[in-house]
Amino acid sequence: MHAYASLVITEAESWTIIMSTGTPIATLYYHFIGNLGDDRWLPFVNAFLTFGLCFALLKAIYKKMEVSKKDIALVFLFFMSRGLLMMTIANIRTMLSMAIIAYCIYKILIEHKKIINYFPWLIVASLVHTAGMAAVMIFVTYYILKGNVGKYRMFAKFGMLSLVFVVYIYGSAYIQAAITKGSNYLRESQASTGYFYIWEFFLSLIVIFITLHMLCFYYFKINRINKKDTCKIEKTTSGRFIGFMAFLTLIDLFAILIEFNIGWRLSWLVTILDMPLFLIIFTSRCYLNKYKLKEIVFFVSLILLLIASARGDLCSLKFV
């Protein structure tokens, strides 16, 4: 951070360095915070932005759906038990990038906002961390294939493809840098020289499997009920998001079994988006008996909390 703080923004040479990093937004982020004069601003600002986006997402869900406070508390317990604090202040770029992407996905797929309004923020998130680039590519792929609905969806798909093509032309260097980074991760993983942490691997797998369990409950219990009009409305409003979660979680499962770093970082996107996913299922009127399902989520949350606490993930030693 100190090296980036010394850059002079008004000089062309500094911009050459910034643009050559592969993640120029992160470089600018470090530059501005580094010039505040105190290193402790970095974890503070990052925690404020990351938690702020996650809580804004949760608040938006609460306003949109008829959610009980108990369900909000349960989902919040699951989310915080994953060990968010240490990840936010130790893996600065990963969490900020995933929080931005998660908020955009919620707005686009659940609140049905126009993707063009949030596409610039997706670009920003992809230039914060290479894992963000991978997450954005996954979302854009899904959106082109399945995410577009409505009368003019073919025109919308064509427009989205055109936009992606333009972004690729002007940002191909950053996409290639992300691909190279991923290839290096894979090469190091195959050679057993890359970063691997067994407890984070277990925590990520727990999140992935509970998410798949919730998705199976939705598809085999809730989705099969077609008689009620409320069920049809729920499928219309939430179907795209549920489909994306299945798409993302399966990719994440394969990714973490092949290469830890990419799968581990993507699992944080799954964790954030589990909040709206769980609440959509909890509040569904198509299948009312969800008491055992909530018990499972509560039990899994305690397991996550136990593991995260045992490995010091909830402490604040980074601030000392």
Protein backbone atom coordinates (compact mmCIF):
# COMPACT_ATOMS: atom_id res chain seq x y z
CA MET A 1 0.00 0.00 0.00
CA HIS A 2 2.84 2.38 0.83
CA ALA A 3 4.35 1.91 -2.62
CA TYR A 4 1.05 2.85 -4.28
CA ALA A 5 0.57 5.78 -1.88
CA SER A 6 3.75 7.37 -3.23
CA LEU A 7 2.39 7.51 -6.79
CA VAL A 8 1.63 10.95 -8.19
CA ILE A 9 -1.78 10.80 -9.88
CA THR A 10 -1.05 13.82 -12.09
CA GLU A 11 1.93 12.10 -13.73
CA ALA A 12 1.56 9.84 -16.77
CA GLU A 13 4.21 7.45 -15.44
CA SER A 14 2.11 6.79 -12.34
CA TRP A 15 -0.93 5.98 -14.46
CA THR A 16 1.17 3.55 -16.49
CA ILE A 17 2.02 1.73 -13.27
CA ILE A 18 -1.61 1.79 -12.09
CA MET A 19 -3.01 0.44 -15.35
CA SER A 20 -0.36 -2.28 -15.58
CA THR A 21 -1.21 -3.86 -12.22
CA GLY A 22 -4.16 -5.86 -13.58
CA THR A 23 -6.39 -4.51 -10.83
CA PRO A 24 -6.22 -0.71 -11.27
CA ILE A 25 -9.22 0.03 -9.04
CA ALA A 26 -7.51 -1.75 -6.13
CA THR A 27 -4.33 0.22 -6.82
CA LEU A 28 -6.22 3.52 -6.69
CA TYR A 29 -7.99 2.32 -3.55
CA TYR A 30 -4.67 1.66 -1.85
CA HIS A 31 -3.27 4.97 -3.11
CA PHE A 32 -6.00 7.13 -1.61
CA ILE A 33 -6.18 5.26 1.70
CA GLY A 34 -2.40 5.16 1.96
CA ASN A 35 -2.33 8.94 1.77
CA LEU A 36 -4.60 9.28 4.82
CA GLY A 37 -1.50 8.93 6.96
CA ASP A 38 -2.47 5.95 9.11
CA ASP A 39 -2.43 2.29 8.04
CA ARG A 40 -5.39 1.55 10.31
CA TRP A 41 -7.64 3.41 7.91
CA LEU A 42 -7.38 0.48 5.46
CA PRO A 43 -9.12 -2.20 7.60
CA PHE A 44 -11.58 0.40 8.89
CA VAL A 45 -12.62 1.69 5.46
CA ASN A 46 -12.75 -1.80 3.98
CA ALA A 47 -14.82 -3.16 6.85
CA PHE A 48 -17.15 -0.16 6.58
CA LEU A 49 -17.68 -0.66 2.83
CA THR A 50 -17.95 -4.45 2.92
CA PHE A 51 -20.23 -4.68 5.94
CA GLY A 52 -22.18 -1.67 4.67
CA LEU A 53 -22.96 -3.37 1.36
CA CYS A 54 -23.86 -6.68 3.02
CA PHE A 55 -26.12 -4.99 5.56
CA ALA A 56 -27.68 -2.81 2.84
CA LEU A 57 -28.50 -6.02 0.97
CA LEU A 58 -30.07 -7.55 4.09
CA LYS A 59 -32.05 -4.36 4.77
CA ALA A 60 -33.31 -4.32 1.17
CA ILE A 61 -34.54 -7.91 1.56
CA TYR A 62 -36.32 -7.02 4.78
CA LYS A 63 -38.14 -4.16 3.06
CA LYS A 64 -39.05 -6.19 -0.01
CA MET A 65 -40.30 -9.37 1.65
CA GLU A 66 -42.55 -10.13 4.60
CA VAL A 67 -39.73 -11.48 6.72
CA SER A 68 -39.94 -12.19 10.43
CA LYS A 69 -37.25 -10.85 12.73
CA LYS A 70 -36.44 -14.41 13.79
CA ASP A 71 -35.67 -15.37 10.20
CA ILE A 72 -33.51 -12.27 9.79
CA ALA A 73 -31.65 -13.18 12.99
CA LEU A 74 -31.11 -16.77 11.81
CA VAL A 75 -29.77 -15.68 8.43
CA PHE A 76 -27.59 -13.06 10.07
CA LEU A 77 -26.20 -15.70 12.46
CA PHE A 78 -25.30 -17.95 9.53
CA PHE A 79 -23.67 -15.08 7.63
CA MET A 80 -21.59 -13.79 10.54
CA SER A 81 -20.59 -17.27 11.72
CA ARG A 82 -18.59 -17.78 8.54
CA GLY A 83 -15.80 -15.58 9.97
CA LEU A 84 -16.40 -12.40 8.03
CA LEU A 85 -14.40 -9.99 10.21
CA MET A 86 -10.94 -11.48 9.72
CA MET A 87 -11.59 -12.09 6.03
CA THR A 88 -12.67 -8.47 5.56
CA ILE A 89 -9.58 -6.97 7.15
CA ALA A 90 -7.05 -9.58 5.97
CA ASN A 91 -8.27 -10.22 2.40
CA ILE A 92 -9.11 -6.63 1.57
CA ARG A 93 -9.72 -6.88 -2.16
CA THR A 94 -11.55 -10.20 -2.19
CA MET A 95 -14.30 -9.21 0.22
CA LEU A 96 -14.82 -5.73 -1.21
CA SER A 97 -15.10 -7.15 -4.70
CA MET A 98 -17.54 -9.91 -3.68
CA ALA A 99 -19.69 -7.51 -1.63
CA ILE A 100 -20.10 -5.17 -4.61
CA ILE A 101 -20.96 -8.05 -6.94
CA ALA A 102 -23.44 -9.59 -4.50
CA TYR A 103 -25.28 -6.29 -4.07
CA CYS A 104 -25.49 -5.80 -7.85
CA ILE A 105 -26.75 -9.35 -8.40
CA TYR A 106 -29.44 -8.85 -5.77
CA LYS A 107 -30.62 -5.64 -7.40
CA ILE A 108 -30.65 -7.16 -10.90
CA LEU A 109 -32.12 -10.62 -10.26
CA ILE A 110 -34.41 -10.04 -7.27
CA GLU A 111 -35.45 -6.40 -7.50
CA HIS A 112 -35.36 -6.66 -11.32
CA LYS A 113 -33.37 -3.49 -11.85
CA LYS A 114 -31.84 -2.86 -15.27
CA ILE A 115 -28.43 -4.45 -15.59
CA ILE A 116 -27.10 -1.43 -17.48
CA ASN A 117 -27.43 0.61 -14.26
CA TYR A 118 -25.21 -1.79 -12.32
CA PHE A 119 -22.85 -2.94 -15.05
CA PRO A 120 -20.31 -0.16 -14.27
CA TRP A 121 -20.18 -1.36 -10.66
CA LEU A 122 -19.61 -4.92 -11.86
CA ILE A 123 -16.68 -3.63 -13.91
CA VAL A 124 -15.33 -1.82 -10.84
CA ALA A 125 -15.60 -5.02 -8.76
CA SER A 126 -13.85 -7.05 -11.44
CA LEU A 127 -10.91 -4.61 -11.36
CA VAL A 128 -10.56 -4.86 -7.58
CA HIS A 129 -9.56 -8.55 -7.57
CA THR A 130 -9.11 -11.25 -10.20
CA ALA A 131 -11.62 -13.43 -8.31
CA GLY A 132 -14.09 -10.61 -8.87
CA MET A 133 -13.39 -10.87 -12.58
CA ALA A 134 -14.20 -14.60 -12.46
CA ALA A 135 -17.41 -13.93 -10.50
CA VAL A 136 -18.55 -11.26 -12.95
CA MET A 137 -17.85 -13.55 -15.90
CA ILE A 138 -19.96 -16.28 -14.26
CA PHE A 139 -22.83 -13.87 -13.66
CA VAL A 140 -22.71 -12.34 -17.16
CA THR A 141 -22.66 -15.84 -18.71
CA TYR A 142 -25.73 -16.84 -16.71
CA TYR A 143 -27.51 -13.57 -17.43
CA ILE A 144 -27.02 -13.96 -21.17
CA LEU A 145 -28.18 -17.59 -21.11
CA LYS A 146 -30.99 -17.51 -18.55
CA GLY A 147 -31.17 -14.20 -16.74
CA ASN A 148 -33.02 -12.21 -19.38
CA VAL A 149 -36.79 -12.39 -19.28
CA GLY A 150 -39.56 -10.35 -20.78
CA LYS A 151 -41.02 -9.51 -24.13
CA TYR A 152 -37.81 -8.15 -25.63
CA ARG A 153 -35.36 -10.62 -24.13
CA MET A 154 -33.72 -11.46 -27.48
CA PHE A 155 -32.94 -7.79 -28.07
CA ALA A 156 -31.70 -7.53 -24.50
CA LYS A 157 -29.42 -10.53 -24.99
CA PHE A 158 -28.05 -9.03 -28.19
CA GLY A 159 -27.44 -5.75 -26.39
CA MET A 160 -25.72 -7.53 -23.52
CA LEU A 161 -23.49 -9.47 -25.89
CA SER A 162 -22.59 -6.24 -27.68
CA LEU A 163 -21.73 -4.61 -24.36
CA VAL A 164 -19.59 -7.58 -23.33
CA PHE A 165 -17.82 -7.43 -26.72
CA VAL A 166 -17.01 -3.75 -26.27
CA VAL A 167 -15.76 -4.36 -22.72
CA TYR A 168 -13.59 -7.22 -23.99
CA ILE A 169 -12.02 -5.01 -26.67
CA TYR A 170 -11.07 -2.28 -24.22
CA GLY A 171 -10.41 -4.51 -21.23
CA SER A 172 -8.90 -7.61 -22.82
CA ALA A 173 -5.58 -6.98 -21.05
CA TYR A 174 -7.27 -7.26 -17.65
CA ILE A 175 -9.24 -10.34 -18.67
CA GLN A 176 -6.02 -11.97 -19.89
CA ALA A 177 -4.32 -11.00 -16.62
CA ALA A 178 -7.14 -12.66 -14.66
CA ILE A 179 -6.89 -15.81 -16.80
CA THR A 180 -3.12 -15.88 -16.30
CA LYS A 181 -3.56 -15.49 -12.55
CA GLY A 182 -6.05 -18.35 -12.49
CA SER A 183 -3.68 -20.51 -14.54
CA ASN A 184 -0.89 -19.79 -12.07
CA TYR A 185 -3.17 -20.76 -9.17
CA LEU A 186 -4.02 -24.03 -10.95
CA ARG A 187 -0.38 -24.77 -11.76
CA GLU A 188 0.69 -24.17 -8.16
CA SER A 189 -2.19 -26.29 -6.88
CA GLN A 190 -1.22 -29.22 -9.10
CA ALA A 191 2.39 -28.89 -7.92
CA SER A 192 1.20 -28.69 -4.26
CA THR A 193 3.02 -25.38 -3.82
CA GLY A 194 0.01 -23.06 -3.76
CA TYR A 195 -1.85 -21.62 -0.78
CA PHE A 196 -4.11 -24.10 0.98
CA TYR A 197 -5.71 -23.85 4.41
CA ILE A 198 -7.58 -26.91 5.61
CA TRP A 199 -10.00 -25.05 7.90
CA GLU A 200 -11.01 -22.58 5.21
CA PHE A 201 -11.49 -25.54 2.89
CA PHE A 202 -13.87 -27.16 5.40
CA LEU A 203 -15.73 -23.90 6.05
CA SER A 204 -16.17 -23.32 2.32
CA LEU A 205 -17.43 -26.86 1.75
CA ILE A 206 -19.94 -26.51 4.59
CA VAL A 207 -21.32 -23.33 3.01
CA ILE A 208 -21.47 -24.95 -0.43
CA PHE A 209 -23.27 -28.08 0.81
CA ILE A 210 -25.83 -26.24 2.95
CA THR A 211 -26.52 -24.01 -0.05
CA LEU A 212 -27.03 -27.06 -2.27
CA HIS A 213 -29.31 -28.55 0.40
CA MET A 214 -31.42 -25.38 0.41
CA LEU A 215 -31.57 -25.39 -3.38
CA CYS A 216 -32.66 -29.04 -3.42
CA PHE A 217 -35.38 -28.19 -0.90
CA TYR A 218 -36.57 -25.41 -3.19
CA TYR A 219 -36.57 -27.48 -6.38
CA PHE A 220 -37.99 -30.72 -4.91
CA LYS A 221 -40.45 -29.22 -2.41
CA ILE A 222 -41.42 -25.66 -3.28
CA ASN A 223 -40.93 -25.63 -7.04
CA ARG A 224 -43.16 -28.66 -7.60
CA ILE A 225 -46.24 -26.90 -6.26
CA ASN A 226 -47.94 -25.22 -9.22
CA LYS A 227 -51.57 -24.97 -8.16
CA LYS A 228 -51.50 -21.78 -6.14
CA ASP A 229 -51.28 -18.40 -7.82
CA THR A 230 -48.88 -17.25 -5.12
CA CYS A 231 -46.48 -20.02 -6.12
CA LYS A 232 -46.50 -18.89 -9.73
CA ILE A 233 -45.77 -15.33 -8.63
CA GLU A 234 -42.91 -16.52 -6.41
CA LYS A 235 -41.37 -18.48 -9.28
CA THR A 236 -41.61 -15.46 -11.54
CA THR A 237 -40.00 -13.09 -9.06
CA SER A 238 -37.34 -15.41 -7.62
CA GLY A 239 -36.75 -18.02 -10.32
CA ARG A 240 -33.83 -16.24 -12.01
CA PHE A 241 -32.00 -15.71 -8.74
CA ILE A 242 -32.54 -19.31 -7.60
CA GLY A 243 -31.23 -20.53 -10.95
CA PHE A 244 -28.16 -18.36 -10.67
CA MET A 245 -27.43 -19.63 -7.16
CA ALA A 246 -27.56 -23.22 -8.43
CA PHE A 247 -25.29 -22.26 -11.35
CA LEU A 248 -22.79 -20.43 -9.11
CA THR A 249 -22.72 -23.00 -6.30
CA LEU A 250 -22.08 -25.95 -8.62
CA ILE A 251 -19.25 -24.02 -10.32
CA ASP A 252 -17.83 -23.18 -6.91
CA LEU A 253 -17.98 -26.82 -5.81
CA PHE A 254 -16.02 -27.98 -8.86
CA ALA A 255 -13.62 -25.03 -8.54
CA ILE A 256 -12.68 -25.63 -4.90
CA LEU A 257 -12.09 -29.34 -5.55
CA ILE A 258 -9.76 -28.47 -8.43
CA GLU A 259 -8.08 -25.27 -7.20
CA PHE A 260 -8.50 -24.00 -3.65
CA ASN A 261 -7.88 -20.25 -4.09
CA ILE A 262 -10.55 -19.60 -6.72
CA GLY A 263 -13.17 -21.83 -5.08
CA TRP A 264 -12.49 -20.38 -1.62
CA ARG A 265 -12.96 -16.79 -2.83
CA LEU A 266 -16.09 -17.64 -4.82
CA SER A 267 -17.54 -19.31 -1.71
CA TRP A 268 -17.68 -15.86 -0.11
CA LEU A 269 -19.96 -14.66 -2.88
CA VAL A 270 -22.13 -17.71 -2.21
CA THR A 271 -22.12 -16.88 1.52
CA ILE A 272 -23.34 -13.30 0.99
CA LEU A 273 -26.01 -14.35 -1.50
CA ASP A 274 -27.18 -17.10 0.86
CA MET A 275 -28.91 -14.37 2.87
CA PRO A 276 -31.53 -13.61 0.19
CA LEU A 277 -31.65 -17.27 -0.86
CA PHE A 278 -32.48 -18.52 2.63
CA LEU A 279 -35.05 -15.78 3.22
CA ILE A 280 -36.78 -16.47 -0.11
CA ILE A 281 -37.17 -20.11 0.94
CA PHE A 282 -38.14 -19.29 4.54
CA THR A 283 -40.88 -16.88 3.42
CA SER A 284 -42.30 -19.05 0.64
CA ARG A 285 -46.04 -19.64 0.97
CA CYS A 286 -45.97 -22.68 -1.28
CA TYR A 287 -44.54 -24.99 1.36
CA LEU A 288 -45.23 -23.97 4.95
CA ASN A 289 -43.50 -26.69 7.02
CA LYS A 290 -39.94 -25.33 7.15
CA TYR A 291 -39.20 -25.74 10.86
CA LYS A 292 -36.72 -28.60 10.37
CA LEU A 293 -35.01 -26.67 7.60
CA LYS A 294 -34.44 -23.73 9.94
CA GLU A 295 -33.13 -26.10 12.59
CA ILE A 296 -30.56 -27.39 10.09
CA VAL A 297 -29.44 -23.85 9.23
CA PHE A 298 -29.13 -23.03 12.94
CA PHE A 299 -27.10 -26.19 13.61
CA VAL A 300 -24.80 -25.55 10.64
CA SER A 301 -24.33 -21.95 11.80
CA LEU A 302 -23.12 -23.20 15.19
CA ILE A 303 -20.64 -25.54 13.48
CA LEU A 304 -19.32 -22.67 11.36
CA LEU A 305 -19.09 -20.46 14.44
CA LEU A 306 -17.23 -23.13 16.40
CA ILE A 307 -14.66 -23.72 13.65
CA ALA A 308 -14.21 -20.01 12.93
CA SER A 309 -13.80 -19.21 16.63
CA ALA A 310 -11.38 -22.10 17.23
CA ARG A 311 -9.07 -20.84 14.50
CA GLY A 312 -9.26 -17.23 15.73
CA ASP A 313 -11.29 -15.92 12.85
CA LEU A 314 -13.59 -13.80 14.99
CA CYS A 315 -10.84 -12.06 16.96
CA SER A 316 -9.67 -8.50 16.33
CA LEU A 317 -5.93 -9.00 16.62
CA LYS A 318 -5.44 -7.33 13.25
CA PHE A 319 -6.51 -4.02 14.74
CA VAL A 320 -3.92 -4.10 17.55
